[in-house]
């Protein structure tokens, strides 16, 4: 799970409503293709957060070692497994509890 919108806005408020960069997220929170920082705990990535907006842009260094990428890709998640078994084309269709802000009617 990545930072939620309210967390991003809180961080900007904490730093005097200034734009901030968040760097080097924990490895388990980000995609498998992001390059490890060498400490096996964080990956080389960033998010630029703006006050009242949240994440404006994000980026990362991609893994470029084929052996490492193959090893990481074997750790398939439940959604990807369901996608593979069911033949679904979009992973969003396999998420058990999707988040679609503003799409739920009561």
C-alpha atoms as a PDB file:
ATOM      1  CA  UNK A   1       0.000   0.000   0.000  1.00  0.00           C
ATOM      2  CA  UNK A   2       1.344   3.394  -0.994  1.00  0.00           C
ATOM      3  CA  UNK A   3       0.768   6.721   0.763  1.00  0.00           C
ATOM      4  CA  UNK A   4      -2.889   7.704   0.752  1.00  0.00           C
ATOM      5  CA  UNK A   5      -4.061  11.174  -0.276  1.00  0.00           C
ATOM      6  CA  UNK A   6      -4.629  12.279   3.324  1.00  0.00           C
ATOM      7  CA  UNK A   7      -1.083  11.198   4.265  1.00  0.00           C
ATOM      8  CA  UNK A   8       0.379  13.167   1.372  1.00  0.00           C
ATOM      9  CA  UNK A   9      -1.549  16.307   2.325  1.00  0.00           C
ATOM     10  CA  UNK A  10      -0.529  15.905   5.978  1.00  0.00           C
ATOM     11  CA  UNK A  11       3.152  15.725   5.019  1.00  0.00           C
ATOM     12  CA  UNK A  12       2.870  18.958   3.031  1.00  0.00           C
ATOM     13  CA  UNK A  13       1.112  20.672   5.960  1.00  0.00           C
ATOM     14  CA  UNK A  14       3.803  19.421   8.340  1.00  0.00           C
ATOM     15  CA  UNK A  15       6.456  21.067   6.159  1.00  0.00           C
ATOM     16  CA  UNK A  16       4.763  24.507   6.118  1.00  0.00           C
ATOM     17  CA  UNK A  17       2.587  23.871   3.053  1.00  0.00           C
ATOM     18  CA  UNK A  18       5.597  23.563   0.787  1.00  0.00           C
ATOM     19  CA  UNK A  19       6.037  21.086  -2.075  1.00  0.00           C
ATOM     20  CA  UNK A  20       8.168  18.156  -0.907  1.00  0.00           C
ATOM     21  CA  UNK A  21       9.862  15.095  -2.346  1.00  0.00           C
ATOM     22  CA  UNK A  22       9.416  11.717  -0.659  1.00  0.00           C
ATOM     23  CA  UNK A  23      12.319   9.414  -1.531  1.00  0.00           C
ATOM     24  CA  UNK A  24      13.299   5.766  -1.144  1.00  0.00           C
ATOM     25  CA  UNK A  25      10.079   3.984  -0.197  1.00  0.00           C
ATOM     26  CA  UNK A  26      10.126   0.604   1.570  1.00  0.00           C
ATOM     27  CA  UNK A  27      10.622  -2.166  -0.995  1.00  0.00           C
ATOM     28  CA  UNK A  28       7.413  -4.002  -0.046  1.00  0.00           C
ATOM     29  CA  UNK A  29       5.235  -0.975  -0.869  1.00  0.00           C
ATOM     30  CA  UNK A  30       6.392  -0.551  -4.451  1.00  0.00           C
ATOM     31  CA  UNK A  31       6.368  -2.495  -7.707  1.00  0.00           C
ATOM     32  CA  UNK A  32       8.791  -5.367  -8.288  1.00  0.00           C
ATOM     33  CA  UNK A  33      10.519  -3.637 -11.204  1.00  0.00           C
ATOM     34  CA  UNK A  34      11.899  -0.787  -9.069  1.00  0.00           C
ATOM     35  CA  UNK A  35      15.612  -1.040  -8.336  1.00  0.00           C
ATOM     36  CA  UNK A  36      16.752  -1.786  -4.777  1.00  0.00           C
ATOM     37  CA  UNK A  37      18.951   0.846  -3.129  1.00  0.00           C
ATOM     38  CA  UNK A  38      21.439  -1.795  -2.027  1.00  0.00           C
ATOM     39  CA  UNK A  39      20.105  -2.095   1.508  1.00  0.00           C
ATOM     40  CA  UNK A  40      17.427  -4.667   0.507  1.00  0.00           C
ATOM     41  CA  UNK A  41      14.844  -2.559   2.364  1.00  0.00           C
ATOM     42  CA  UNK A  42      14.175   0.443   0.117  1.00  0.00           C
ATOM     43  CA  UNK A  43      13.848   1.153  -3.594  1.00  0.00           C
ATOM     44  CA  UNK A  44      15.111   4.098  -5.655  1.00  0.00           C
ATOM     45  CA  UNK A  45      11.911   6.056  -6.234  1.00  0.00           C
ATOM     46  CA  UNK A  46      10.319   9.414  -5.505  1.00  0.00           C
ATOM     47  CA  UNK A  47       6.997  11.219  -5.303  1.00  0.00           C
ATOM     48  CA  UNK A  48       6.606  14.996  -5.588  1.00  0.00           C
ATOM     49  CA  UNK A  49       3.837  16.116  -3.228  1.00  0.00           C
ATOM     50  CA  UNK A  50       2.057  19.466  -3.478  1.00  0.00           C
ATOM     51  CA  UNK A  51      -0.087  21.099  -0.769  1.00  0.00           C
ATOM     52  CA  UNK A  52      -3.841  20.634  -1.267  1.00  0.00           C
ATOM     53  CA  UNK A  53      -3.167  18.285  -4.196  1.00  0.00           C
ATOM     54  CA  UNK A  54      -1.058  15.388  -2.975  1.00  0.00           C
ATOM     55  CA  UNK A  55       1.105  13.426  -5.402  1.00  0.00           C
ATOM     56  CA  UNK A  56       1.805  15.434  -8.514  1.00  0.00           C
ATOM     57  CA  UNK A  57       4.399  13.175 -10.110  1.00  0.00           C
ATOM     58  CA  UNK A  58       6.308  10.033  -9.248  1.00  0.00           C
ATOM     59  CA  UNK A  59       9.206   8.131 -10.681  1.00  0.00           C
ATOM     60  CA  UNK A  60      11.762   5.439 -10.049  1.00  0.00           C
ATOM     61  CA  UNK A  61      14.910   3.778 -11.267  1.00  0.00           C
ATOM     62  CA  UNK A  62      13.918   0.560 -13.040  1.00  0.00           C
ATOM     63  CA  UNK A  63      15.653  -2.741 -12.371  1.00  0.00           C
ATOM     64  CA  UNK A  64      18.057  -3.414 -15.231  1.00  0.00           C
ATOM     65  CA  UNK A  65      19.550  -6.744 -14.166  1.00  0.00           C
ATOM     66  CA  UNK A  66      17.674  -9.540 -15.951  1.00  0.00           C
ATOM     67  CA  UNK A  67      18.422 -12.186 -13.280  1.00  0.00           C
ATOM     68  CA  UNK A  68      17.178  -9.949 -10.467  1.00  0.00           C
ATOM     69  CA  UNK A  69      14.084  -8.997 -12.438  1.00  0.00           C
ATOM     70  CA  UNK A  70      13.225 -12.649 -13.081  1.00  0.00           C
ATOM     71  CA  UNK A  71      13.625 -13.458  -9.387  1.00  0.00           C
ATOM     72  CA  UNK A  72      11.398 -10.545  -8.328  1.00  0.00           C
ATOM     73  CA  UNK A  73       8.753 -11.328 -10.951  1.00  0.00           C
ATOM     74  CA  UNK A  74       8.283 -14.843  -9.550  1.00  0.00           C
ATOM     75  CA  UNK A  75       6.716 -13.336  -6.443  1.00  0.00           C
ATOM     76  CA  UNK A  76       3.329 -13.132  -8.119  1.00  0.00           C
ATOM     77  CA  UNK A  77       0.501 -11.484  -6.228  1.00  0.00           C
ATOM     78  CA  UNK A  78      -3.011 -12.843  -5.764  1.00  0.00           C
ATOM     79  CA  UNK A  79      -4.486 -10.409  -8.293  1.00  0.00           C
ATOM     80  CA  UNK A  80      -1.990 -11.446 -10.969  1.00  0.00           C
ATOM     81  CA  UNK A  81      -2.646 -15.117 -10.231  1.00  0.00           C
ATOM     82  CA  UNK A  82      -6.410 -14.591 -10.617  1.00  0.00           C
ATOM     83  CA  UNK A  83      -5.743 -12.624 -13.806  1.00  0.00           C
ATOM     84  CA  UNK A  84      -3.659 -15.495 -15.180  1.00  0.00           C
ATOM     85  CA  UNK A  85      -6.215 -18.185 -14.279  1.00  0.00           C
ATOM     86  CA  UNK A  86      -9.300 -16.268 -15.410  1.00  0.00           C
ATOM     87  CA  UNK A  87      -7.811 -14.814 -18.583  1.00  0.00           C
ATOM     88  CA  UNK A  88      -8.736 -11.304 -17.474  1.00  0.00           C
ATOM     89  CA  UNK A  89      -6.970  -8.603 -19.486  1.00  0.00           C
ATOM     90  CA  UNK A  90      -6.886  -5.844 -16.867  1.00  0.00           C
ATOM     91  CA  UNK A  91      -5.577  -6.394 -13.346  1.00  0.00           C
ATOM     92  CA  UNK A  92      -8.046  -3.812 -12.003  1.00  0.00           C
ATOM     93  CA  UNK A  93     -10.835  -6.292 -12.754  1.00  0.00           C
ATOM     94  CA  UNK A  94      -9.341  -8.836 -10.324  1.00  0.00           C
ATOM     95  CA  UNK A  95      -8.904  -6.629  -7.240  1.00  0.00           C
ATOM     96  CA  UNK A  96     -11.146  -7.884  -4.427  1.00  0.00           C
ATOM     97  CA  UNK A  97     -11.708  -4.470  -2.830  1.00  0.00           C
ATOM     98  CA  UNK A  98     -11.005  -1.809  -5.474  1.00  0.00           C
ATOM     99  CA  UNK A  99     -10.878   1.888  -4.671  1.00  0.00           C
ATOM    100  CA  UNK A 100     -12.829   4.100  -7.030  1.00  0.00           C
ATOM    101  CA  UNK A 101     -13.297   7.476  -5.303  1.00  0.00           C
ATOM    102  CA  UNK A 102     -16.638   9.049  -6.095  1.00  0.00           C
ATOM    103  CA  UNK A 103     -18.002   5.990  -7.901  1.00  0.00           C
ATOM    104  CA  UNK A 104     -19.996   4.404  -5.092  1.00  0.00           C
ATOM    105  CA  UNK A 105     -23.617   5.448  -4.750  1.00  0.00           C
ATOM    106  CA  UNK A 106     -25.517   4.996  -1.488  1.00  0.00           C
END
